[in-house]
N, C-alpha and C. Protein backbone atom coordinates (compact mmCIF):
# COMPACT_ATOMS: atom_id res chain seq x y z
N UNK A 1 -65.42 -43.68 11.42
CA UNK A 1 -66.68 -43.33 10.82
C UNK A 1 -66.49 -43.26 9.31
N UNK A 2 -67.45 -43.71 8.58
CA UNK A 2 -67.42 -43.67 7.12
C UNK A 2 -68.70 -43.01 6.65
N UNK A 3 -68.55 -41.97 5.83
CA UNK A 3 -69.70 -41.26 5.30
C UNK A 3 -69.62 -41.30 3.79
N UNK A 4 -70.63 -41.80 3.14
CA UNK A 4 -70.62 -41.93 1.69
C UNK A 4 -71.86 -41.27 1.13
N UNK A 5 -71.67 -40.51 0.06
CA UNK A 5 -72.79 -39.90 -0.65
C UNK A 5 -73.07 -40.73 -1.90
N UNK A 6 -74.33 -41.06 -2.14
CA UNK A 6 -74.68 -41.91 -3.29
C UNK A 6 -75.61 -41.16 -4.22
N UNK A 7 -75.54 -41.50 -5.49
CA UNK A 7 -76.46 -40.98 -6.50
C UNK A 7 -77.24 -42.14 -7.08
N UNK A 8 -78.41 -41.83 -7.65
CA UNK A 8 -79.16 -42.89 -8.29
C UNK A 8 -78.53 -43.20 -9.65
N UNK A 9 -78.89 -44.33 -10.22
CA UNK A 9 -78.28 -44.78 -11.46
C UNK A 9 -78.60 -43.87 -12.64
N UNK A 10 -79.69 -43.08 -12.55
CA UNK A 10 -80.07 -42.21 -13.64
C UNK A 10 -79.41 -40.85 -13.58
N UNK A 11 -78.66 -40.57 -12.52
CA UNK A 11 -78.02 -39.27 -12.36
C UNK A 11 -76.78 -39.14 -13.21
N UNK A 12 -76.14 -37.99 -13.13
CA UNK A 12 -74.91 -37.78 -13.91
C UNK A 12 -73.79 -38.69 -13.42
N UNK A 13 -72.81 -38.98 -14.27
CA UNK A 13 -71.72 -39.87 -13.85
C UNK A 13 -70.92 -39.26 -12.71
N UNK A 14 -70.48 -40.11 -11.81
CA UNK A 14 -69.68 -39.68 -10.67
C UNK A 14 -68.24 -39.50 -11.15
N UNK A 15 -67.78 -38.27 -11.21
CA UNK A 15 -66.47 -37.97 -11.77
C UNK A 15 -65.48 -37.50 -10.72
N UNK A 16 -65.92 -37.32 -9.47
CA UNK A 16 -65.02 -36.94 -8.39
C UNK A 16 -65.03 -38.02 -7.33
N UNK A 17 -63.84 -38.39 -6.88
CA UNK A 17 -63.70 -39.25 -5.71
C UNK A 17 -62.82 -38.47 -4.74
N UNK A 18 -63.30 -38.27 -3.51
CA UNK A 18 -62.55 -37.50 -2.53
C UNK A 18 -62.46 -38.27 -1.22
N UNK A 19 -61.33 -38.09 -0.54
CA UNK A 19 -61.11 -38.70 0.77
C UNK A 19 -60.49 -37.65 1.68
N UNK A 20 -61.12 -37.46 2.84
CA UNK A 20 -60.60 -36.55 3.86
C UNK A 20 -60.21 -37.40 5.05
N UNK A 21 -58.97 -37.26 5.51
CA UNK A 21 -58.47 -38.02 6.67
C UNK A 21 -58.44 -37.07 7.86
N UNK A 22 -59.51 -37.09 8.65
CA UNK A 22 -59.64 -36.21 9.80
C UNK A 22 -59.11 -36.91 11.04
N UNK A 23 -58.00 -36.42 11.62
CA UNK A 23 -57.42 -37.10 12.78
C UNK A 23 -58.38 -37.10 13.95
N UNK A 24 -58.35 -38.06 14.84
CA UNK A 24 -57.41 -39.17 14.83
C UNK A 24 -57.86 -40.36 14.01
N UNK A 25 -59.20 -40.52 13.78
CA UNK A 25 -59.59 -41.77 13.13
C UNK A 25 -60.73 -41.65 12.13
N UNK A 26 -61.24 -40.48 11.90
CA UNK A 26 -62.34 -40.34 10.93
C UNK A 26 -61.80 -40.26 9.51
N UNK A 27 -62.41 -41.02 8.62
CA UNK A 27 -62.11 -40.92 7.19
C UNK A 27 -63.43 -40.70 6.48
N UNK A 28 -63.50 -39.64 5.72
CA UNK A 28 -64.72 -39.28 5.03
C UNK A 28 -64.49 -39.50 3.54
N UNK A 29 -65.35 -40.27 2.89
CA UNK A 29 -65.25 -40.53 1.46
C UNK A 29 -66.51 -40.02 0.79
N UNK A 30 -66.35 -39.43 -0.39
CA UNK A 30 -67.53 -39.11 -1.18
C UNK A 30 -67.21 -39.15 -2.66
N UNK A 31 -68.20 -39.54 -3.44
CA UNK A 31 -68.14 -39.61 -4.90
C UNK A 31 -69.30 -38.76 -5.43
N UNK A 32 -68.96 -37.83 -6.32
CA UNK A 32 -69.96 -36.88 -6.79
C UNK A 32 -69.79 -36.59 -8.27
N UNK A 33 -70.84 -36.07 -8.92
CA UNK A 33 -70.68 -35.59 -10.29
C UNK A 33 -69.78 -34.35 -10.29
N UNK A 34 -69.16 -34.06 -11.41
CA UNK A 34 -68.27 -32.90 -11.51
C UNK A 34 -68.48 -32.19 -12.83
N UNK A 35 -68.16 -30.92 -12.85
CA UNK A 35 -68.26 -30.12 -14.06
C UNK A 35 -67.11 -29.12 -14.09
N UNK A 36 -66.85 -28.56 -15.27
CA UNK A 36 -65.81 -27.54 -15.41
C UNK A 36 -66.43 -26.25 -15.91
N UNK A 37 -65.77 -25.17 -15.59
CA UNK A 37 -66.16 -23.84 -16.09
C UNK A 37 -64.88 -23.07 -16.37
N UNK A 38 -64.89 -22.31 -17.43
CA UNK A 38 -63.75 -21.44 -17.73
C UNK A 38 -63.90 -20.15 -16.92
N UNK A 39 -62.79 -19.67 -16.41
CA UNK A 39 -62.81 -18.41 -15.66
C UNK A 39 -62.67 -17.25 -16.63
N UNK A 40 -63.27 -16.12 -16.28
CA UNK A 40 -63.29 -14.97 -17.18
C UNK A 40 -61.91 -14.36 -17.39
N UNK A 41 -60.92 -14.70 -16.56
CA UNK A 41 -59.57 -14.16 -16.76
C UNK A 41 -58.86 -14.81 -17.95
N UNK A 42 -59.40 -15.91 -18.48
CA UNK A 42 -58.82 -16.58 -19.64
C UNK A 42 -57.62 -17.45 -19.32
N UNK A 43 -57.22 -17.54 -18.07
CA UNK A 43 -56.05 -18.34 -17.68
C UNK A 43 -56.32 -19.20 -16.46
N UNK A 44 -57.59 -19.53 -16.26
CA UNK A 44 -57.97 -20.37 -15.13
C UNK A 44 -59.13 -21.26 -15.53
N UNK A 45 -59.21 -22.40 -14.87
CA UNK A 45 -60.30 -23.34 -15.07
C UNK A 45 -60.80 -23.76 -13.70
N UNK A 46 -62.10 -23.85 -13.56
CA UNK A 46 -62.72 -24.24 -12.31
C UNK A 46 -63.34 -25.62 -12.46
N UNK A 47 -62.93 -26.56 -11.61
CA UNK A 47 -63.58 -27.86 -11.54
C UNK A 47 -64.39 -27.86 -10.26
N UNK A 48 -65.66 -28.15 -10.37
CA UNK A 48 -66.51 -28.12 -9.19
C UNK A 48 -67.34 -29.39 -9.09
N UNK A 49 -67.52 -29.79 -7.85
CA UNK A 49 -68.29 -30.99 -7.57
C UNK A 49 -68.98 -30.78 -6.24
N UNK A 50 -70.30 -30.99 -6.21
CA UNK A 50 -71.01 -30.78 -4.96
C UNK A 50 -72.27 -31.63 -4.92
N UNK A 51 -72.67 -31.91 -3.71
CA UNK A 51 -73.92 -32.65 -3.52
C UNK A 51 -74.97 -31.69 -2.99
N UNK A 52 -76.25 -32.01 -3.17
CA UNK A 52 -77.31 -31.15 -2.61
C UNK A 52 -77.22 -31.05 -1.08
N UNK A 53 -76.62 -32.05 -0.46
CA UNK A 53 -76.48 -32.05 1.00
C UNK A 53 -75.37 -31.14 1.48
N UNK A 54 -74.48 -30.69 0.57
CA UNK A 54 -73.47 -29.72 0.97
C UNK A 54 -72.02 -30.16 0.84
N UNK A 55 -71.72 -31.43 0.70
CA UNK A 55 -70.33 -31.86 0.53
C UNK A 55 -69.86 -31.51 -0.88
N UNK A 56 -68.56 -31.23 -1.01
CA UNK A 56 -68.06 -30.95 -2.34
C UNK A 56 -66.61 -30.52 -2.35
N UNK A 57 -66.09 -30.37 -3.57
CA UNK A 57 -64.71 -29.93 -3.79
C UNK A 57 -64.73 -28.89 -4.89
N UNK A 58 -63.95 -27.83 -4.69
CA UNK A 58 -63.77 -26.79 -5.68
C UNK A 58 -62.29 -26.71 -5.97
N UNK A 59 -61.92 -26.87 -7.23
CA UNK A 59 -60.51 -26.86 -7.65
C UNK A 59 -60.35 -25.82 -8.75
N UNK A 60 -59.49 -24.84 -8.49
CA UNK A 60 -59.18 -23.82 -9.50
C UNK A 60 -57.76 -24.05 -9.98
N UNK A 61 -57.60 -24.24 -11.28
CA UNK A 61 -56.29 -24.40 -11.90
C UNK A 61 -55.92 -23.10 -12.60
N UNK A 62 -54.79 -22.53 -12.22
CA UNK A 62 -54.28 -21.32 -12.89
C UNK A 62 -53.10 -21.73 -13.75
N UNK A 63 -53.13 -21.34 -15.02
CA UNK A 63 -52.09 -21.73 -15.96
C UNK A 63 -51.61 -20.52 -16.74
N UNK A 64 -50.54 -20.71 -17.49
CA UNK A 64 -49.96 -19.58 -18.24
C UNK A 64 -50.78 -19.28 -19.50
N UNK A 65 -50.42 -19.82 -20.63
CA UNK A 65 -51.09 -19.52 -21.89
C UNK A 65 -52.22 -20.48 -22.23
N UNK A 66 -52.02 -21.76 -21.93
CA UNK A 66 -53.05 -22.74 -22.22
C UNK A 66 -52.97 -23.86 -21.20
N UNK A 67 -54.09 -24.53 -21.03
CA UNK A 67 -54.15 -25.64 -20.07
C UNK A 67 -53.55 -26.87 -20.72
N UNK A 68 -52.54 -27.43 -20.08
CA UNK A 68 -51.91 -28.65 -20.58
C UNK A 68 -51.60 -29.57 -19.41
N UNK A 69 -51.26 -30.80 -19.71
CA UNK A 69 -50.90 -31.76 -18.67
C UNK A 69 -49.66 -31.25 -17.95
N UNK A 70 -49.73 -31.23 -16.61
CA UNK A 70 -48.63 -30.70 -15.82
C UNK A 70 -48.90 -30.98 -14.35
N UNK A 71 -47.93 -30.69 -13.51
CA UNK A 71 -48.09 -30.77 -12.06
C UNK A 71 -48.27 -29.34 -11.55
N UNK A 72 -49.31 -29.11 -10.77
CA UNK A 72 -49.64 -27.79 -10.25
C UNK A 72 -49.43 -27.80 -8.73
N UNK A 73 -48.59 -26.93 -8.18
CA UNK A 73 -48.46 -26.86 -6.72
C UNK A 73 -49.73 -26.27 -6.12
N UNK A 74 -50.11 -26.75 -4.96
CA UNK A 74 -51.29 -26.23 -4.27
C UNK A 74 -50.87 -24.98 -3.50
N UNK A 75 -51.64 -23.91 -3.66
CA UNK A 75 -51.40 -22.65 -2.97
C UNK A 75 -52.68 -22.21 -2.28
N UNK A 76 -52.55 -21.25 -1.36
CA UNK A 76 -53.73 -20.69 -0.69
C UNK A 76 -54.41 -19.71 -1.65
N UNK A 77 -55.71 -19.46 -1.47
CA UNK A 77 -56.45 -18.64 -2.44
C UNK A 77 -55.90 -17.24 -2.67
N UNK A 78 -55.33 -16.60 -1.64
CA UNK A 78 -54.86 -15.23 -1.84
C UNK A 78 -53.46 -15.14 -2.43
N UNK A 79 -52.83 -16.27 -2.75
CA UNK A 79 -51.54 -16.25 -3.44
C UNK A 79 -51.82 -16.15 -4.93
N UNK A 80 -51.82 -14.93 -5.43
CA UNK A 80 -52.16 -14.71 -6.83
C UNK A 80 -50.94 -14.64 -7.73
N UNK A 81 -49.74 -14.76 -7.16
CA UNK A 81 -48.53 -14.65 -7.98
C UNK A 81 -48.07 -15.99 -8.56
N UNK A 82 -48.42 -17.09 -7.93
CA UNK A 82 -47.95 -18.40 -8.38
C UNK A 82 -48.73 -18.87 -9.60
N UNK A 83 -48.00 -19.18 -10.68
CA UNK A 83 -48.61 -19.73 -11.89
C UNK A 83 -47.57 -20.65 -12.52
N UNK A 84 -47.86 -21.89 -12.80
CA UNK A 84 -49.14 -22.57 -12.58
C UNK A 84 -49.36 -22.84 -11.09
N UNK A 85 -50.62 -22.96 -10.73
CA UNK A 85 -50.97 -23.22 -9.33
C UNK A 85 -52.39 -23.80 -9.27
N UNK A 86 -52.67 -24.45 -8.15
CA UNK A 86 -53.99 -25.01 -7.90
C UNK A 86 -54.48 -24.54 -6.54
N UNK A 87 -55.75 -24.20 -6.47
CA UNK A 87 -56.41 -23.85 -5.21
C UNK A 87 -57.49 -24.90 -4.99
N UNK A 88 -57.47 -25.54 -3.82
CA UNK A 88 -58.40 -26.63 -3.54
C UNK A 88 -59.17 -26.33 -2.26
N UNK A 89 -60.49 -26.27 -2.35
CA UNK A 89 -61.37 -26.08 -1.19
C UNK A 89 -62.26 -27.30 -1.05
N UNK A 90 -62.45 -27.74 0.21
CA UNK A 90 -63.22 -28.95 0.48
C UNK A 90 -64.25 -28.66 1.56
N UNK A 91 -65.45 -29.19 1.36
CA UNK A 91 -66.50 -29.09 2.37
C UNK A 91 -67.07 -30.49 2.57
N UNK A 92 -67.28 -30.88 3.82
CA UNK A 92 -67.78 -32.21 4.13
C UNK A 92 -68.50 -32.18 5.48
N UNK A 93 -69.12 -33.29 5.81
CA UNK A 93 -69.85 -33.39 7.07
C UNK A 93 -69.32 -34.55 7.90
N UNK A 94 -69.25 -34.33 9.19
CA UNK A 94 -69.04 -35.42 10.16
C UNK A 94 -70.30 -35.42 11.01
N UNK A 95 -71.04 -36.50 10.92
CA UNK A 95 -72.38 -36.59 11.47
C UNK A 95 -73.21 -35.45 10.85
N UNK A 96 -73.74 -34.52 11.61
CA UNK A 96 -74.52 -33.42 11.04
C UNK A 96 -73.77 -32.10 11.07
N UNK A 97 -72.48 -32.14 11.36
CA UNK A 97 -71.69 -30.93 11.49
C UNK A 97 -70.91 -30.64 10.21
N UNK A 98 -71.12 -29.46 9.61
CA UNK A 98 -70.36 -29.12 8.40
C UNK A 98 -68.93 -28.73 8.74
N UNK A 99 -68.02 -29.10 7.86
CA UNK A 99 -66.60 -28.75 7.98
C UNK A 99 -66.15 -28.25 6.62
N UNK A 100 -65.19 -27.35 6.61
CA UNK A 100 -64.65 -26.88 5.35
C UNK A 100 -63.27 -26.30 5.57
N UNK A 101 -62.42 -26.48 4.58
CA UNK A 101 -61.08 -25.92 4.67
C UNK A 101 -60.46 -25.86 3.29
N UNK A 102 -59.34 -25.15 3.21
CA UNK A 102 -58.60 -24.99 1.97
C UNK A 102 -57.25 -25.66 2.16
N UNK A 103 -56.84 -26.44 1.18
CA UNK A 103 -55.51 -27.05 1.24
C UNK A 103 -54.46 -25.95 1.09
N UNK A 104 -53.36 -26.07 1.84
CA UNK A 104 -52.30 -25.07 1.75
C UNK A 104 -50.96 -25.67 1.31
N UNK A 105 -50.94 -26.97 1.08
CA UNK A 105 -49.72 -27.62 0.59
C UNK A 105 -50.10 -28.86 -0.20
N UNK A 106 -49.15 -29.33 -1.00
CA UNK A 106 -49.39 -30.51 -1.81
C UNK A 106 -49.31 -30.16 -3.29
N UNK A 107 -49.85 -31.05 -4.12
CA UNK A 107 -49.81 -30.81 -5.56
C UNK A 107 -50.99 -31.51 -6.24
N UNK A 108 -51.26 -31.04 -7.45
CA UNK A 108 -52.33 -31.61 -8.28
C UNK A 108 -51.70 -31.97 -9.62
N UNK A 109 -51.81 -33.22 -10.00
CA UNK A 109 -51.32 -33.68 -11.30
C UNK A 109 -52.48 -33.63 -12.28
N UNK A 110 -52.32 -32.86 -13.34
CA UNK A 110 -53.38 -32.65 -14.33
C UNK A 110 -53.01 -33.36 -15.62
N UNK A 111 -53.98 -34.08 -16.15
CA UNK A 111 -53.79 -34.74 -17.44
C UNK A 111 -54.95 -34.33 -18.35
N UNK A 112 -54.59 -33.69 -19.44
CA UNK A 112 -55.60 -33.27 -20.41
C UNK A 112 -55.51 -34.16 -21.63
N UNK A 113 -56.65 -34.69 -22.05
CA UNK A 113 -56.72 -35.50 -23.26
C UNK A 113 -57.91 -35.03 -24.06
N UNK A 114 -57.63 -34.35 -25.17
CA UNK A 114 -58.71 -33.85 -26.02
C UNK A 114 -59.59 -32.88 -25.27
N UNK A 115 -60.87 -33.21 -25.17
CA UNK A 115 -61.84 -32.35 -24.51
C UNK A 115 -62.21 -32.81 -23.11
N UNK A 116 -61.33 -33.61 -22.48
CA UNK A 116 -61.56 -34.01 -21.10
C UNK A 116 -60.32 -33.71 -20.27
N UNK A 117 -60.54 -33.68 -18.98
CA UNK A 117 -59.44 -33.41 -18.05
C UNK A 117 -59.54 -34.36 -16.86
N UNK A 118 -58.39 -34.76 -16.36
CA UNK A 118 -58.29 -35.52 -15.12
C UNK A 118 -57.37 -34.76 -14.19
N UNK A 119 -57.68 -34.74 -12.91
CA UNK A 119 -56.84 -34.07 -11.93
C UNK A 119 -56.79 -34.91 -10.67
N UNK A 120 -55.59 -35.22 -10.23
CA UNK A 120 -55.39 -35.98 -8.99
C UNK A 120 -54.53 -35.15 -8.05
N UNK A 121 -55.08 -34.86 -6.90
CA UNK A 121 -54.37 -34.02 -5.95
C UNK A 121 -54.31 -34.62 -4.57
N UNK A 122 -53.27 -34.26 -3.86
CA UNK A 122 -53.10 -34.69 -2.48
C UNK A 122 -52.45 -33.55 -1.73
N UNK A 123 -52.99 -33.23 -0.56
CA UNK A 123 -52.43 -32.14 0.22
C UNK A 123 -53.01 -32.09 1.61
N UNK A 124 -52.63 -31.02 2.31
CA UNK A 124 -53.09 -30.82 3.69
C UNK A 124 -53.47 -29.37 3.89
N UNK A 125 -54.31 -29.16 4.88
CA UNK A 125 -54.72 -27.82 5.27
C UNK A 125 -55.14 -27.82 6.73
N UNK A 126 -55.41 -26.63 7.25
CA UNK A 126 -55.80 -26.48 8.66
C UNK A 126 -57.32 -26.35 8.73
N UNK A 127 -57.93 -27.18 9.56
CA UNK A 127 -59.37 -27.11 9.79
C UNK A 127 -59.60 -27.28 11.29
N UNK A 128 -60.14 -26.26 11.93
CA UNK A 128 -60.34 -26.27 13.39
C UNK A 128 -59.04 -26.54 14.13
N UNK A 129 -57.97 -25.87 13.71
CA UNK A 129 -56.65 -25.95 14.33
C UNK A 129 -56.02 -27.34 14.24
N UNK A 130 -56.51 -28.17 13.34
CA UNK A 130 -55.98 -29.52 13.15
C UNK A 130 -55.53 -29.64 11.70
N UNK A 131 -54.36 -30.22 11.49
CA UNK A 131 -53.84 -30.45 10.14
C UNK A 131 -54.58 -31.65 9.55
N UNK A 132 -55.31 -31.43 8.46
CA UNK A 132 -56.17 -32.45 7.86
C UNK A 132 -55.69 -32.73 6.44
N UNK A 133 -55.52 -34.00 6.12
CA UNK A 133 -55.10 -34.40 4.79
C UNK A 133 -56.29 -34.73 3.90
N UNK A 134 -56.06 -34.65 2.61
CA UNK A 134 -57.13 -34.98 1.65
C UNK A 134 -56.53 -35.46 0.35
N UNK A 135 -57.28 -36.30 -0.33
CA UNK A 135 -56.98 -36.72 -1.70
C UNK A 135 -58.22 -36.50 -2.53
N UNK A 136 -58.04 -35.90 -3.70
CA UNK A 136 -59.16 -35.70 -4.61
C UNK A 136 -58.76 -36.22 -5.98
N UNK A 137 -59.74 -36.77 -6.67
CA UNK A 137 -59.49 -37.29 -8.02
C UNK A 137 -60.68 -36.99 -8.91
N UNK A 138 -60.48 -36.10 -9.87
CA UNK A 138 -61.48 -35.82 -10.90
C UNK A 138 -61.13 -36.70 -12.09
N UNK A 139 -62.12 -37.45 -12.62
CA UNK A 139 -61.87 -38.37 -13.73
C UNK A 139 -62.73 -38.00 -14.94
N UNK A 140 -62.09 -37.90 -16.09
CA UNK A 140 -62.78 -37.72 -17.38
C UNK A 140 -63.86 -36.64 -17.34
N UNK A 141 -63.52 -35.48 -16.81
CA UNK A 141 -64.49 -34.39 -16.74
C UNK A 141 -64.43 -33.62 -18.07
N UNK A 142 -65.57 -33.49 -18.74
CA UNK A 142 -65.57 -32.76 -20.03
C UNK A 142 -65.20 -31.30 -19.84
N UNK A 143 -64.37 -30.78 -20.74
CA UNK A 143 -64.04 -29.36 -20.74
C UNK A 143 -65.18 -28.60 -21.38
N UNK A 144 -65.45 -27.38 -20.93
CA UNK A 144 -66.54 -26.61 -21.55
C UNK A 144 -66.17 -26.22 -22.98
N UNK A 145 -67.07 -26.43 -23.90
CA UNK A 145 -66.82 -26.12 -25.30
C UNK A 145 -67.22 -24.68 -25.64
N UNK A 146 -68.23 -24.18 -24.96
CA UNK A 146 -68.70 -22.83 -25.26
C UNK A 146 -67.83 -21.80 -24.54
N UNK A 147 -68.01 -20.56 -24.93
CA UNK A 147 -67.20 -19.47 -24.40
C UNK A 147 -67.75 -18.93 -23.09
N UNK A 148 -68.78 -19.54 -22.52
CA UNK A 148 -69.36 -19.06 -21.27
C UNK A 148 -68.31 -19.10 -20.17
N UNK A 149 -68.19 -18.03 -19.42
CA UNK A 149 -67.18 -17.96 -18.36
C UNK A 149 -67.81 -17.48 -17.06
N UNK A 150 -67.09 -17.71 -15.96
CA UNK A 150 -67.51 -17.24 -14.64
C UNK A 150 -66.35 -16.47 -14.01
N UNK A 151 -66.65 -15.49 -13.16
CA UNK A 151 -65.55 -14.81 -12.47
C UNK A 151 -64.98 -15.74 -11.40
N UNK A 152 -63.68 -15.83 -11.32
CA UNK A 152 -63.03 -16.73 -10.37
C UNK A 152 -62.07 -15.98 -9.45
N UNK A 153 -62.25 -14.68 -9.34
CA UNK A 153 -61.34 -13.88 -8.53
C UNK A 153 -61.56 -14.16 -7.05
N UNK A 154 -60.45 -14.20 -6.30
CA UNK A 154 -60.50 -14.41 -4.86
C UNK A 154 -60.94 -13.11 -4.18
N UNK A 155 -61.91 -13.22 -3.28
CA UNK A 155 -62.35 -12.08 -2.49
C UNK A 155 -62.41 -12.51 -1.04
N UNK A 156 -61.54 -11.92 -0.18
CA UNK A 156 -61.52 -12.32 1.22
C UNK A 156 -62.81 -11.95 1.94
């Protein structure tokens, strides 16, 4: 099965490409607009991408003093000790059924150039007792210039 989300030509640029490999044979692909937000802790950045229909990816990058090009290991959301680290959550649909999970292994390669960021990640997580792989790629996403921040704390 192949599921693709499309935008019209007048919409924002598609900056996320995601692939979920759901065993045994489903592959879900989606391309969506993406944006960044600074977290209020001053040491995290949130990359978010979502469609009105509900599919999307949320990537939180935790860094030390400043965000720079580096490889970030993927951790689960409640692991607050690992820095640098990446938390990746994915939501998608198979037919009309929503699915969502958090990656618990893998890595995200981050490349920062001026006021844009690229992030390419690959990992796996558990969804409905099945180990599911995913690849996400954020391309040329503008970094927020203003000081506006959002809380990014994990709450179980």
